[in-house]
Amino acid sequence: MTGIQSVTHWFGLLRTGDEAAAQKLWERYFPELVKLARSRLRGLSRVAHDPEDVALSAFASFCRQAELGRFPQLVDRDGLWRLLMTLTVRKALQAIRDQNRIKRGGNAGLAEMDLDFLASSDPTPEFAAQVAEEFQRLLNILSDQELANIAISRMEGFSTAEIAQRLDCAPRTIERKLSLVRRIWERENP
């Protein structure tokens, strides 16, 4: 069995609750998830947010959700890696948000962390891939293609009036649909 087949096979077994498969996937992906978490948490207090804890939390969430059948369209190792990256980045962002809450001293850590990113004129390929993956995930959550098209148009910078004109409807209709998109996405990302 090749490495590609093994990962796909292990993921299939994980869906049935196979702990040995979870262990194999852990061994394969955990070190890379820790590196990713470390890069995202750069500049934060290591005492408060350990990269290993962030990666562990992301992997545990993945395993729980896989056993519940949350990823029916996931069929290969590339999709699996993108999903694990997305979960890890989200957990890191939650850690950043938690550290920067007012009761923990405001947003000083965030300002430090973003300096390297802001100094760069272009996002890293890894960051661009993560953003694209997250955007696709959010679009997939929308059950209606029209809602997805409206969300895409809005993100492309079209005004409510322009979208309404393109779809031959009232601007208020577009506002209601955009409000629905926001509610759906907020429910998915509390």
Protein backbone atom coordinates (compact mmCIF):
# COMPACT_ATOMS: atom_id res chain seq x y z
CA MET A 1 0.00 0.00 0.00
CA THR A 2 1.47 3.37 -1.00
CA GLY A 3 1.50 6.44 1.22
CA ILE A 4 -1.34 8.02 -0.73
CA GLN A 5 -3.49 4.92 -0.45
CA SER A 6 -2.61 4.57 3.21
CA VAL A 7 -3.81 8.05 4.13
CA THR A 8 -7.02 7.57 2.17
CA HIS A 9 -7.49 4.14 3.74
CA TRP A 10 -6.81 5.45 7.25
CA PHE A 11 -9.29 8.26 6.77
CA GLY A 12 -11.91 5.75 5.67
CA LEU A 13 -11.28 3.72 8.80
CA LEU A 14 -11.31 6.84 10.99
CA ARG A 15 -14.86 7.55 9.80
CA THR A 16 -15.87 4.27 11.44
CA GLY A 17 -14.21 5.22 14.72
CA ASP A 18 -11.02 3.17 14.25
CA GLU A 19 -8.54 4.46 16.84
CA ALA A 20 -5.56 2.82 15.12
CA ALA A 21 -6.38 4.81 11.96
CA ALA A 22 -6.55 8.01 14.04
CA GLN A 23 -3.11 7.17 15.43
CA LYS A 24 -1.67 6.66 11.93
CA LEU A 25 -3.10 9.98 10.74
CA TRP A 26 -1.81 11.63 13.92
CA GLU A 27 1.71 10.35 13.26
CA ARG A 28 1.55 11.51 9.65
CA TYR A 29 0.12 15.00 10.13
CA PHE A 30 0.68 16.20 13.69
CA PRO A 31 4.28 17.48 13.25
CA GLU A 32 3.22 19.58 10.24
CA LEU A 33 0.19 20.92 12.11
CA VAL A 34 2.45 21.99 14.98
CA LYS A 35 4.70 23.87 12.51
CA LEU A 36 1.68 25.59 11.01
CA ALA A 37 0.32 26.53 14.44
CA ARG A 38 3.73 27.82 15.51
CA SER A 39 3.92 30.07 12.44
CA ARG A 40 0.46 31.48 13.16
CA LEU A 41 1.10 32.02 16.87
CA ARG A 42 4.43 33.77 16.39
CA GLY A 43 4.64 36.70 18.77
CA LEU A 44 2.12 35.34 21.28
CA SER A 45 2.97 34.20 24.77
CA ARG A 46 3.91 30.52 24.56
CA VAL A 47 2.66 30.02 28.11
CA ALA A 48 -0.85 31.03 27.09
CA HIS A 49 -0.98 29.25 23.72
CA ASP A 50 1.28 26.35 22.95
CA PRO A 51 1.45 25.37 19.24
CA GLU A 52 1.21 21.70 20.20
CA ASP A 53 -2.04 22.39 22.07
CA VAL A 54 -3.48 24.24 19.08
CA ALA A 55 -2.54 21.39 16.72
CA LEU A 56 -3.91 18.82 19.16
CA SER A 57 -7.19 20.69 19.46
CA ALA A 58 -7.51 20.93 15.66
CA PHE A 59 -6.76 17.24 15.19
CA ALA A 60 -9.19 16.23 17.94
CA SER A 61 -11.93 18.35 16.35
CA PHE A 62 -11.21 16.74 13.01
CA CYS A 63 -11.47 13.23 14.44
CA ARG A 64 -14.74 13.96 16.25
CA GLN A 65 -16.28 15.53 13.17
CA ALA A 66 -15.06 12.76 10.86
CA GLU A 67 -16.67 10.13 13.07
CA LEU A 68 -19.92 12.12 12.89
CA GLY A 69 -19.79 12.04 9.08
CA ARG A 70 -19.16 15.78 8.67
CA PHE A 71 -16.81 15.39 5.67
CA PRO A 72 -18.64 13.24 3.11
CA GLN A 73 -16.94 14.92 0.15
CA LEU A 74 -13.43 14.41 1.52
CA VAL A 75 -11.88 11.62 -0.53
CA ASP A 76 -8.13 12.11 -0.79
CA ARG A 77 -5.02 13.10 1.14
CA ASP A 78 -4.82 16.55 -0.46
CA GLY A 79 -8.33 17.40 0.70
CA LEU A 80 -7.52 15.97 4.11
CA TRP A 81 -4.40 18.11 4.44
CA ARG A 82 -6.28 21.26 3.39
CA LEU A 83 -8.99 20.50 5.94
CA LEU A 84 -6.45 19.92 8.73
CA MET A 85 -4.69 23.17 7.79
CA THR A 86 -7.98 25.07 7.90
CA LEU A 87 -8.89 23.65 11.30
CA THR A 88 -5.44 24.44 12.69
CA VAL A 89 -5.47 28.00 11.38
CA ARG A 90 -8.93 28.53 12.88
CA LYS A 91 -7.78 27.22 16.25
CA ALA A 92 -4.74 29.51 16.10
CA LEU A 93 -6.98 32.47 15.26
CA GLN A 94 -9.19 31.57 18.23
CA ALA A 95 -6.10 31.50 20.44
CA ILE A 96 -5.09 34.93 19.14
CA ARG A 97 -8.59 36.26 19.71
CA ASP A 98 -8.64 34.84 23.23
CA GLN A 99 -5.31 36.38 24.12
CA ASN A 100 -6.32 39.75 22.75
CA ARG A 101 -9.54 40.11 24.68
CA ILE A 102 -9.75 43.19 26.83
CA LYS A 103 -9.63 41.22 30.08
CA ARG A 104 -6.26 39.82 28.98
CA GLY A 105 -4.65 43.11 28.10
CA GLY A 106 -6.13 44.24 24.81
CA ASN A 107 -4.68 43.78 21.37
CA ALA A 108 -0.96 44.38 21.87
CA GLY A 109 -0.04 40.82 20.83
CA LEU A 110 -2.03 41.07 17.62
CA ALA A 111 -0.28 44.27 16.60
CA GLU A 112 3.12 42.62 17.04
CA MET A 113 2.09 39.50 15.17
CA ASP A 114 0.74 41.30 12.12
CA LEU A 115 3.81 43.45 11.48
CA ASP A 116 5.58 40.81 9.37
CA PHE A 117 2.46 40.13 7.35
CA LEU A 118 1.75 43.83 6.80
CA ALA A 119 5.34 44.51 5.73
CA SER A 120 4.98 41.94 2.95
CA SER A 121 3.38 43.17 -0.27
CA ASP A 122 1.95 39.74 -1.11
CA PRO A 123 0.43 37.01 1.04
CA THR A 124 2.39 33.80 1.30
CA PRO A 125 1.19 30.97 -0.98
CA GLU A 126 0.23 29.03 2.16
CA PHE A 127 -1.91 31.89 3.44
CA ALA A 128 -3.54 32.39 0.03
CA ALA A 129 -4.37 28.67 -0.10
CA GLN A 130 -5.86 28.83 3.38
CA VAL A 131 -8.02 31.80 2.47
CA ALA A 132 -9.19 30.08 -0.72
CA GLU A 133 -10.02 26.91 1.20
CA GLU A 134 -11.95 28.79 3.85
CA PHE A 135 -13.85 30.75 1.21
CA GLN A 136 -14.78 27.55 -0.62
CA ARG A 137 -15.88 25.96 2.65
CA LEU A 138 -18.12 28.92 3.40
CA LEU A 139 -19.64 28.78 -0.08
CA ASN A 140 -20.29 25.06 0.31
CA ILE A 141 -22.26 25.75 3.49
CA LEU A 142 -24.76 27.78 1.49
CA SER A 143 -27.43 25.42 0.22
CA ASP A 144 -28.63 27.77 -2.50
CA GLN A 145 -26.52 28.62 -5.57
CA GLU A 146 -28.16 32.04 -5.81
CA LEU A 147 -26.99 32.84 -2.25
CA ALA A 148 -23.49 31.73 -3.19
CA ASN A 149 -23.52 33.91 -6.33
CA ILE A 150 -24.71 36.92 -4.33
CA ALA A 151 -21.99 36.34 -1.70
CA ILE A 152 -19.33 36.05 -4.42
CA SER A 153 -20.53 39.24 -6.11
CA ARG A 154 -20.44 41.11 -2.81
CA MET A 155 -16.93 39.86 -2.06
CA GLU A 156 -15.87 40.94 -5.54
CA GLY A 157 -16.85 44.48 -4.53
CA PHE A 158 -20.20 44.89 -6.25
CA SER A 159 -22.71 47.09 -4.42
CA THR A 160 -26.15 45.88 -3.39
CA ALA A 161 -27.68 47.99 -6.18
CA GLU A 162 -25.30 46.53 -8.78
CA ILE A 163 -26.06 42.97 -7.70
CA ALA A 164 -29.79 43.70 -7.75
CA GLN A 165 -29.51 45.11 -11.25
CA ARG A 166 -27.54 42.07 -12.48
CA LEU A 167 -30.14 39.71 -10.99
CA ASP A 168 -33.11 41.88 -12.02
CA CYS A 169 -34.54 42.24 -8.53
CA ALA A 170 -34.96 44.87 -5.82
CA PRO A 171 -31.95 45.98 -3.74
CA ARG A 172 -33.93 45.07 -0.59
CA THR A 173 -34.09 41.46 -1.84
CA ILE A 174 -30.30 41.39 -2.10
CA GLU A 175 -29.97 42.92 1.38
CA ARG A 176 -32.23 40.20 2.83
CA LYS A 177 -30.24 37.47 1.07
CA LEU A 178 -26.93 38.91 2.24
CA SER A 179 -28.33 39.01 5.78
CA LEU A 180 -29.28 35.34 5.43
CA VAL A 181 -25.76 34.48 4.22
CA ARG A 182 -24.28 36.26 7.25
CA ARG A 183 -26.58 34.37 9.64
CA ILE A 184 -25.71 31.01 8.05
CA TRP A 185 -21.98 31.73 8.26
CA GLU A 186 -22.21 33.04 11.83
CA ARG A 187 -24.03 29.86 12.90
CA GLU A 188 -21.24 27.81 11.34
CA ASN A 189 -18.46 29.90 12.93
CA PRO A 190 -19.68 31.00 16.39
